[in-house]
Amino acid sequence: MNSPDVTQPPCWQRYPARGRRGLCLTISVVAFLTIALVSFTYSSTNGIGAGFVSWLVIEFFTGKAKEINWLMWVVSLAFVLCFGIYPIEVRLGVK
């Protein structure tokens, strides 16, 4: 069994060379949104999708859009379409 390393420094001290001082906060916000939405919607798909989209939005608005992999853009777009299709169907009277 592996035990956690209790001497490991906090994340803001582990990533200073990469210039990602906000990494810890970004991960914390995305993790909170994911856990909260999985709990409140009783759907892991909704929570994980919201985590993907929120991470992409945070990275985009902090100026790191060029570092985001193309697959992350595709998956986030698919989740946005998945989340947005039901309100559009309701508005059009399809459902």
Protein backbone atom coordinates (compact mmCIF):
# COMPACT_ATOMS: atom_id res chain seq x y z
CA MET A 1 0.00 0.00 0.00
CA ASN A 2 1.15 3.48 -0.77
CA SER A 3 0.71 6.13 1.86
CA PRO A 4 0.36 9.80 0.92
CA ASP A 5 3.45 11.94 1.19
CA VAL A 6 2.72 14.36 4.01
CA THR A 7 5.89 16.32 3.31
CA GLN A 8 4.75 17.31 -0.17
CA PRO A 9 4.55 21.12 -0.57
CA PRO A 10 1.29 22.83 -1.50
CA CYS A 11 0.42 23.13 -5.17
CA TRP A 12 1.31 26.83 -5.43
CA GLN A 13 4.88 25.92 -4.46
CA ARG A 14 5.10 22.96 -6.84
CA TYR A 15 4.26 24.86 -10.04
CA PRO A 16 6.00 28.26 -9.87
CA ALA A 17 8.42 27.47 -12.72
CA ARG A 18 5.55 26.92 -15.12
CA GLY A 19 3.96 30.25 -14.27
CA ARG A 20 0.74 28.56 -13.23
CA ARG A 21 0.19 30.18 -9.85
CA GLY A 22 -3.56 30.09 -10.37
CA LEU A 23 -3.51 26.37 -11.11
CA CYS A 24 -4.50 25.43 -7.59
CA LEU A 25 -7.49 27.79 -7.61
CA THR A 26 -8.54 26.66 -11.09
CA ILE A 27 -8.47 23.02 -10.08
CA SER A 28 -10.35 23.80 -6.86
CA VAL A 29 -13.15 25.69 -8.63
CA VAL A 30 -13.57 23.02 -11.31
CA ALA A 31 -13.53 20.22 -8.73
CA PHE A 32 -16.11 22.01 -6.59
CA LEU A 33 -18.44 22.59 -9.54
CA THR A 34 -18.09 18.99 -10.67
CA ILE A 35 -18.78 17.52 -7.23
CA ALA A 36 -21.64 19.93 -6.53
CA LEU A 37 -23.40 19.26 -9.83
CA VAL A 38 -22.97 15.50 -9.58
CA SER A 39 -24.54 15.68 -6.13
CA PHE A 40 -27.36 18.08 -6.96
CA THR A 41 -28.38 16.67 -10.34
CA TYR A 42 -27.87 12.98 -9.46
CA SER A 43 -26.08 12.66 -12.79
CA SER A 44 -22.37 12.07 -13.16
CA THR A 45 -22.64 13.04 -16.82
CA ASN A 46 -23.93 16.51 -15.97
CA GLY A 47 -21.29 17.05 -13.30
CA ILE A 48 -18.36 15.88 -15.39
CA GLY A 49 -19.64 17.84 -18.38
CA ALA A 50 -19.91 20.98 -16.30
CA GLY A 51 -16.38 20.36 -15.05
CA PHE A 52 -15.08 20.09 -18.61
CA VAL A 53 -16.89 23.24 -19.73
CA SER A 54 -15.98 25.26 -16.64
CA TRP A 55 -12.29 24.32 -16.94
CA LEU A 56 -12.29 25.35 -20.60
CA VAL A 57 -14.01 28.67 -19.84
CA ILE A 58 -11.61 29.46 -16.98
CA GLU A 59 -8.57 28.62 -19.09
CA PHE A 60 -9.93 30.63 -22.03
CA PHE A 61 -10.62 33.77 -20.01
CA THR A 62 -7.26 33.61 -18.23
CA GLY A 63 -5.50 33.81 -21.61
CA LYS A 64 -4.40 30.19 -21.94
CA ALA A 65 -6.57 29.29 -24.94
CA LYS A 66 -3.59 28.24 -27.07
CA GLU A 67 -2.55 25.66 -24.48
CA ILE A 68 -5.90 23.85 -24.61
CA ASN A 69 -5.87 20.62 -26.61
CA TRP A 70 -8.23 20.43 -29.59
CA LEU A 71 -9.95 17.38 -28.13
CA MET A 72 -10.90 19.36 -25.02
CA TRP A 73 -12.56 21.95 -27.28
CA VAL A 74 -14.52 19.20 -29.07
CA VAL A 75 -15.64 17.45 -25.88
CA SER A 76 -16.64 20.76 -24.24
CA LEU A 77 -18.60 21.78 -27.33
CA ALA A 78 -20.39 18.42 -27.27
CA PHE A 79 -21.34 18.97 -23.62
CA VAL A 80 -22.54 22.51 -24.33
CA LEU A 81 -24.73 21.16 -27.13
CA CYS A 82 -25.97 18.39 -24.84
CA PHE A 83 -26.86 20.90 -22.12
CA GLY A 84 -28.45 23.33 -24.56
CA ILE A 85 -30.57 21.00 -26.66
CA TYR A 86 -33.35 20.50 -24.10
CA PRO A 87 -34.11 24.23 -23.56
CA ILE A 88 -34.15 24.73 -27.32
CA GLU A 89 -36.56 21.83 -27.80
CA VAL A 90 -38.83 23.17 -25.06
CA ARG A 91 -38.76 26.65 -26.59
CA LEU A 92 -39.68 25.27 -30.02
CA GLY A 93 -42.44 23.12 -28.56
CA VAL A 94 -40.89 19.81 -29.58
CA LYS A 95 -40.95 18.51 -26.00
